[in-house]
Amino acid sequence: GSIDLITQSLVQLNDLSKSLDADIISQHGMLAAIEQEMQRIKGTGSFKINYTVTGNPVYMNSQTELIIFRIIQEAFNNIIKHAHACATSLLLHYNQSRLEFRIDDDGSGFDPKQTPVGQHSGLRNMDARIKLLGGQMDIKSMPGRGTSLNFTIPFEKK
């Protein structure tokens, strides 16, 4: 029936947006894709976003960049779904040997000891993805105090 059609359309739309992200990244790099994603989220009026890039951007292979992009996307999806935040920030810092990025929100927060990564599919996905890249994820959060996710990814040795 029509519900099946709608579901099918949504799945196709989701697949399409995923492949579009991948195309943007392979053609224009991850920073362009992130910029577009931040504009898209700002457009929803969910919360303010402060987006900053420091250091000298290093282009990584597009598979790595896509994984990093997905982590950032997942983090913002979590904020939209759970955090009830007013303001968020994304900081990417490229230094000599690694990319560090941090996502902060002023939302409801949680107790990481009470909510192990394994129980939260969003956190679990991010953790699994960062490990694929030989990186690390560090969560700082307190109920009522927002959340800070810190990620570190070493650059591939050329």
C-alpha atoms as a PDB file:
ATOM      1  CA  GLY A   1       0.000   0.000   0.000  1.00  0.00           C
ATOM      2  CA  SER A   2       0.879   3.666   0.212  1.00  0.00           C
ATOM      3  CA  ILE A   3       2.679   3.252   3.573  1.00  0.00           C
ATOM      4  CA  ASP A   4       5.091   0.806   1.921  1.00  0.00           C
ATOM      5  CA  LEU A   5       5.694   3.312  -0.862  1.00  0.00           C
ATOM      6  CA  ILE A   6       6.406   6.101   1.613  1.00  0.00           C
ATOM      7  CA  THR A   7       8.758   3.867   3.618  1.00  0.00           C
ATOM      8  CA  GLN A   8      10.515   2.829   0.410  1.00  0.00           C
ATOM      9  CA  SER A   9      10.841   6.474  -0.667  1.00  0.00           C
ATOM     10  CA  LEU A  10      12.311   7.444   2.702  1.00  0.00           C
ATOM     11  CA  VAL A  11      14.824   4.605   2.531  1.00  0.00           C
ATOM     12  CA  GLN A  12      15.807   5.659  -1.004  1.00  0.00           C
ATOM     13  CA  LEU A  13      16.066   9.296   0.084  1.00  0.00           C
ATOM     14  CA  ASN A  14      18.289   8.281   2.983  1.00  0.00           C
ATOM     15  CA  ASP A  15      20.470   6.186   0.641  1.00  0.00           C
ATOM     16  CA  LEU A  16      20.596   9.110  -1.782  1.00  0.00           C
ATOM     17  CA  SER A  17      21.678  11.584   0.887  1.00  0.00           C
ATOM     18  CA  LYS A  18      24.346   9.096   2.013  1.00  0.00           C
ATOM     19  CA  SER A  19      25.716   8.772  -1.522  1.00  0.00           C
ATOM     20  CA  LEU A  20      25.537  12.565  -2.011  1.00  0.00           C
ATOM     21  CA  ASP A  21      27.618  13.065   1.145  1.00  0.00           C
ATOM     22  CA  ALA A  22      30.148  10.559  -0.193  1.00  0.00           C
ATOM     23  CA  ASP A  23      30.233  12.405  -3.547  1.00  0.00           C
ATOM     24  CA  ILE A  24      30.774  15.792  -1.898  1.00  0.00           C
ATOM     25  CA  ILE A  25      33.600  14.328   0.161  1.00  0.00           C
ATOM     26  CA  SER A  26      35.332  12.646  -2.777  1.00  0.00           C
ATOM     27  CA  GLN A  27      35.015  15.815  -4.908  1.00  0.00           C
ATOM     28  CA  HIS A  28      35.372  18.670  -2.419  1.00  0.00           C
ATOM     29  CA  GLY A  29      36.700  17.088   0.757  1.00  0.00           C
ATOM     30  CA  MET A  30      35.255  16.531   4.192  1.00  0.00           C
ATOM     31  CA  LEU A  31      35.289  20.181   5.310  1.00  0.00           C
ATOM     32  CA  ALA A  32      32.918  21.130   2.481  1.00  0.00           C
ATOM     33  CA  ALA A  33      30.588  18.281   3.442  1.00  0.00           C
ATOM     34  CA  ILE A  34      30.689  19.286   7.127  1.00  0.00           C
ATOM     35  CA  GLU A  35      30.012  22.932   6.217  1.00  0.00           C
ATOM     36  CA  GLN A  36      26.953  21.822   4.243  1.00  0.00           C
ATOM     37  CA  GLU A  37      25.755  19.572   7.061  1.00  0.00           C
ATOM     38  CA  MET A  38      26.116  22.408   9.607  1.00  0.00           C
ATOM     39  CA  GLN A  39      24.086  24.704   7.315  1.00  0.00           C
ATOM     40  CA  ARG A  40      21.425  21.997   6.970  1.00  0.00           C
ATOM     41  CA  ILE A  41      21.131  21.578  10.757  1.00  0.00           C
ATOM     42  CA  LYS A  42      21.112  25.369  11.299  1.00  0.00           C
ATOM     43  CA  GLY A  43      18.260  25.490   8.797  1.00  0.00           C
ATOM     44  CA  THR A  44      16.151  23.251  11.027  1.00  0.00           C
ATOM     45  CA  GLY A  45      16.421  25.860  13.787  1.00  0.00           C
ATOM     46  CA  SER A  46      17.165  23.098  16.330  1.00  0.00           C
ATOM     47  CA  PHE A  47      20.037  24.991  17.981  1.00  0.00           C
ATOM     48  CA  LYS A  48      22.917  27.355  17.324  1.00  0.00           C
ATOM     49  CA  ILE A  49      26.129  25.869  15.944  1.00  0.00           C
ATOM     50  CA  ASN A  50      29.570  27.369  16.260  1.00  0.00           C
ATOM     51  CA  TYR A  51      31.836  25.656  13.696  1.00  0.00           C
ATOM     52  CA  THR A  52      35.603  26.305  13.693  1.00  0.00           C
ATOM     53  CA  VAL A  53      38.575  24.763  11.896  1.00  0.00           C
ATOM     54  CA  THR A  54      42.116  25.493  13.116  1.00  0.00           C
ATOM     55  CA  GLY A  55      45.542  24.346  12.000  1.00  0.00           C
ATOM     56  CA  ASN A  56      46.407  23.365   8.420  1.00  0.00           C
ATOM     57  CA  PRO A  57      43.794  20.985   6.992  1.00  0.00           C
ATOM     58  CA  VAL A  58      45.256  17.731   5.749  1.00  0.00           C
ATOM     59  CA  TYR A  59      43.326  15.840   3.109  1.00  0.00           C
ATOM     60  CA  MET A  60      42.964  12.210   4.056  1.00  0.00           C
ATOM     61  CA  ASN A  61      41.654   9.466   1.825  1.00  0.00           C
ATOM     62  CA  SER A  62      37.969   9.897   1.110  1.00  0.00           C
ATOM     63  CA  GLN A  63      37.038   6.692   2.979  1.00  0.00           C
ATOM     64  CA  THR A  64      38.643   8.047   6.168  1.00  0.00           C
ATOM     65  CA  GLU A  65      37.029  11.455   5.639  1.00  0.00           C
ATOM     66  CA  LEU A  66      33.642   9.815   5.131  1.00  0.00           C
ATOM     67  CA  ILE A  67      33.991   7.884   8.405  1.00  0.00           C
ATOM     68  CA  ILE A  68      34.892  11.095  10.279  1.00  0.00           C
ATOM     69  CA  PHE A  69      31.947  12.866   8.639  1.00  0.00           C
ATOM     70  CA  ARG A  70      29.612  10.037   9.745  1.00  0.00           C
ATOM     71  CA  ILE A  71      30.882  10.335  13.348  1.00  0.00           C
ATOM     72  CA  ILE A  72      30.119  14.069  13.319  1.00  0.00           C
ATOM     73  CA  GLN A  73      26.713  13.404  11.755  1.00  0.00           C
ATOM     74  CA  GLU A  74      25.944  10.769  14.393  1.00  0.00           C
ATOM     75  CA  ALA A  75      26.974  13.134  17.203  1.00  0.00           C
ATOM     76  CA  PHE A  76      24.648  15.859  15.916  1.00  0.00           C
ATOM     77  CA  ASN A  77      21.819  13.354  15.422  1.00  0.00           C
ATOM     78  CA  ASN A  78      22.259  12.364  19.081  1.00  0.00           C
ATOM     79  CA  ILE A  79      22.163  16.007  20.141  1.00  0.00           C
ATOM     80  CA  ILE A  80      18.979  16.579  18.107  1.00  0.00           C
ATOM     81  CA  LYS A  81      17.323  13.439  19.515  1.00  0.00           C
ATOM     82  CA  HIS A  82      18.401  13.499  23.151  1.00  0.00           C
ATOM     83  CA  ALA A  83      20.115  16.642  24.348  1.00  0.00           C
ATOM     84  CA  HIS A  84      17.503  19.440  24.117  1.00  0.00           C
ATOM     85  CA  ALA A  85      20.449  21.764  23.522  1.00  0.00           C
ATOM     86  CA  CYS A  86      20.328  25.485  22.688  1.00  0.00           C
ATOM     87  CA  ALA A  87      23.922  25.823  21.547  1.00  0.00           C
ATOM     88  CA  THR A  88      26.499  23.430  20.127  1.00  0.00           C
ATOM     89  CA  SER A  89      30.001  23.733  18.792  1.00  0.00           C
ATOM     90  CA  LEU A  90      32.205  21.725  16.481  1.00  0.00           C
ATOM     91  CA  LEU A  91      35.924  22.409  16.537  1.00  0.00           C
ATOM     92  CA  LEU A  92      38.317  20.639  14.176  1.00  0.00           C
ATOM     93  CA  HIS A  93      41.985  21.109  14.904  1.00  0.00           C
ATOM     94  CA  TYR A  94      44.644  19.791  12.552  1.00  0.00           C
ATOM     95  CA  ASN A  95      48.033  19.517  14.157  1.00  0.00           C
ATOM     96  CA  GLN A  96      51.273  17.907  12.912  1.00  0.00           C
ATOM     97  CA  SER A  97      50.359  14.290  13.455  1.00  0.00           C
ATOM     98  CA  ARG A  98      46.639  14.072  14.036  1.00  0.00           C
ATOM     99  CA  LEU A  99      43.185  15.526  13.667  1.00  0.00           C
ATOM    100  CA  GLU A 100      41.438  16.384  16.905  1.00  0.00           C
ATOM    101  CA  PHE A 101      37.802  17.311  16.912  1.00  0.00           C
ATOM    102  CA  ARG A 102      35.434  18.231  19.654  1.00  0.00           C
ATOM    103  CA  ILE A 103      31.668  18.442  19.713  1.00  0.00           C
ATOM    104  CA  ASP A 104      30.090  20.276  22.647  1.00  0.00           C
ATOM    105  CA  ASP A 105      26.469  20.881  23.534  1.00  0.00           C
ATOM    106  CA  ASP A 106      24.761  22.670  26.407  1.00  0.00           C
ATOM    107  CA  GLY A 107      21.984  20.101  26.551  1.00  0.00           C
ATOM    108  CA  SER A 108      20.678  17.751  29.223  1.00  0.00           C
ATOM    109  CA  GLY A 109      23.879  15.684  29.466  1.00  0.00           C
ATOM    110  CA  PHE A 110      24.116  12.259  31.089  1.00  0.00           C
ATOM    111  CA  ASP A 111      26.325  10.318  33.443  1.00  0.00           C
ATOM    112  CA  PRO A 112      28.788   8.325  31.295  1.00  0.00           C
ATOM    113  CA  LYS A 113      29.294   5.882  34.188  1.00  0.00           C
ATOM    114  CA  GLN A 114      25.539   5.206  34.270  1.00  0.00           C
ATOM    115  CA  THR A 115      25.241   5.004  30.485  1.00  0.00           C
ATOM    116  CA  PRO A 116      28.052   2.807  29.211  1.00  0.00           C
ATOM    117  CA  VAL A 117      28.936   3.334  25.556  1.00  0.00           C
ATOM    118  CA  GLY A 118      27.647  -0.171  24.781  1.00  0.00           C
ATOM    119  CA  GLN A 119      24.097   0.695  25.866  1.00  0.00           C
ATOM    120  CA  HIS A 120      23.777   3.705  23.619  1.00  0.00           C
ATOM    121  CA  SER A 121      23.736   2.843  19.914  1.00  0.00           C
ATOM    122  CA  GLY A 122      24.837   6.322  18.827  1.00  0.00           C
ATOM    123  CA  LEU A 123      27.866   6.335  21.126  1.00  0.00           C
ATOM    124  CA  ARG A 124      28.633   2.744  20.194  1.00  0.00           C
ATOM    125  CA  ASN A 125      28.586   3.602  16.461  1.00  0.00           C
ATOM    126  CA  MET A 126      30.901   6.560  16.994  1.00  0.00           C
ATOM    127  CA  ASP A 127      33.262   4.513  19.143  1.00  0.00           C
ATOM    128  CA  ALA A 128      33.382   1.676  16.581  1.00  0.00           C
ATOM    129  CA  ARG A 129      34.039   4.126  13.738  1.00  0.00           C
ATOM    130  CA  ILE A 130      36.802   6.007  15.545  1.00  0.00           C
ATOM    131  CA  LYS A 131      38.515   2.695  16.399  1.00  0.00           C
ATOM    132  CA  LEU A 132      38.468   1.761  12.697  1.00  0.00           C
ATOM    133  CA  LEU A 133      40.687   4.800  12.167  1.00  0.00           C
ATOM    134  CA  GLY A 134      43.006   3.963  15.058  1.00  0.00           C
ATOM    135  CA  GLY A 135      41.577   6.916  16.960  1.00  0.00           C
ATOM    136  CA  GLN A 136      40.091   7.537  20.382  1.00  0.00           C
ATOM    137  CA  MET A 137      36.849   8.946  21.733  1.00  0.00           C
ATOM    138  CA  ASP A 138      36.584  10.614  25.112  1.00  0.00           C
ATOM    139  CA  ILE A 139      33.204  11.549  26.583  1.00  0.00           C
ATOM    140  CA  LYS A 140      32.766  14.222  29.227  1.00  0.00           C
ATOM    141  CA  SER A 141      29.209  14.764  30.391  1.00  0.00           C
ATOM    142  CA  MET A 142      27.158  15.475  33.473  1.00  0.00           C
ATOM    143  CA  PRO A 143      23.398  15.485  33.889  1.00  0.00           C
ATOM    144  CA  GLY A 144      22.202  19.053  33.364  1.00  0.00           C
ATOM    145  CA  ARG A 145      25.643  20.209  32.218  1.00  0.00           C
ATOM    146  CA  GLY A 146      25.782  19.219  28.557  1.00  0.00           C
ATOM    147  CA  THR A 147      28.197  16.903  26.812  1.00  0.00           C
ATOM    148  CA  SER A 148      31.656  17.184  25.300  1.00  0.00           C
ATOM    149  CA  LEU A 149      32.856  14.520  22.860  1.00  0.00           C
ATOM    150  CA  ASN A 150      36.565  14.583  22.069  1.00  0.00           C
ATOM    151  CA  PHE A 151      38.030  12.593  19.202  1.00  0.00           C
ATOM    152  CA  THR A 152      41.637  12.110  18.137  1.00  0.00           C
ATOM    153  CA  ILE A 153      42.633  10.489  14.856  1.00  0.00           C
ATOM    154  CA  PRO A 154      46.252   9.971  13.819  1.00  0.00           C
ATOM    155  CA  PHE A 155      47.031  10.816  10.206  1.00  0.00           C
ATOM    156  CA  GLU A 156      47.912   7.868   8.018  1.00  0.00           C
ATOM    157  CA  LYS A 157      51.627   7.586   7.475  1.00  0.00           C
ATOM    158  CA  LYS A 158      52.311   8.304   3.825  1.00  0.00           C
END
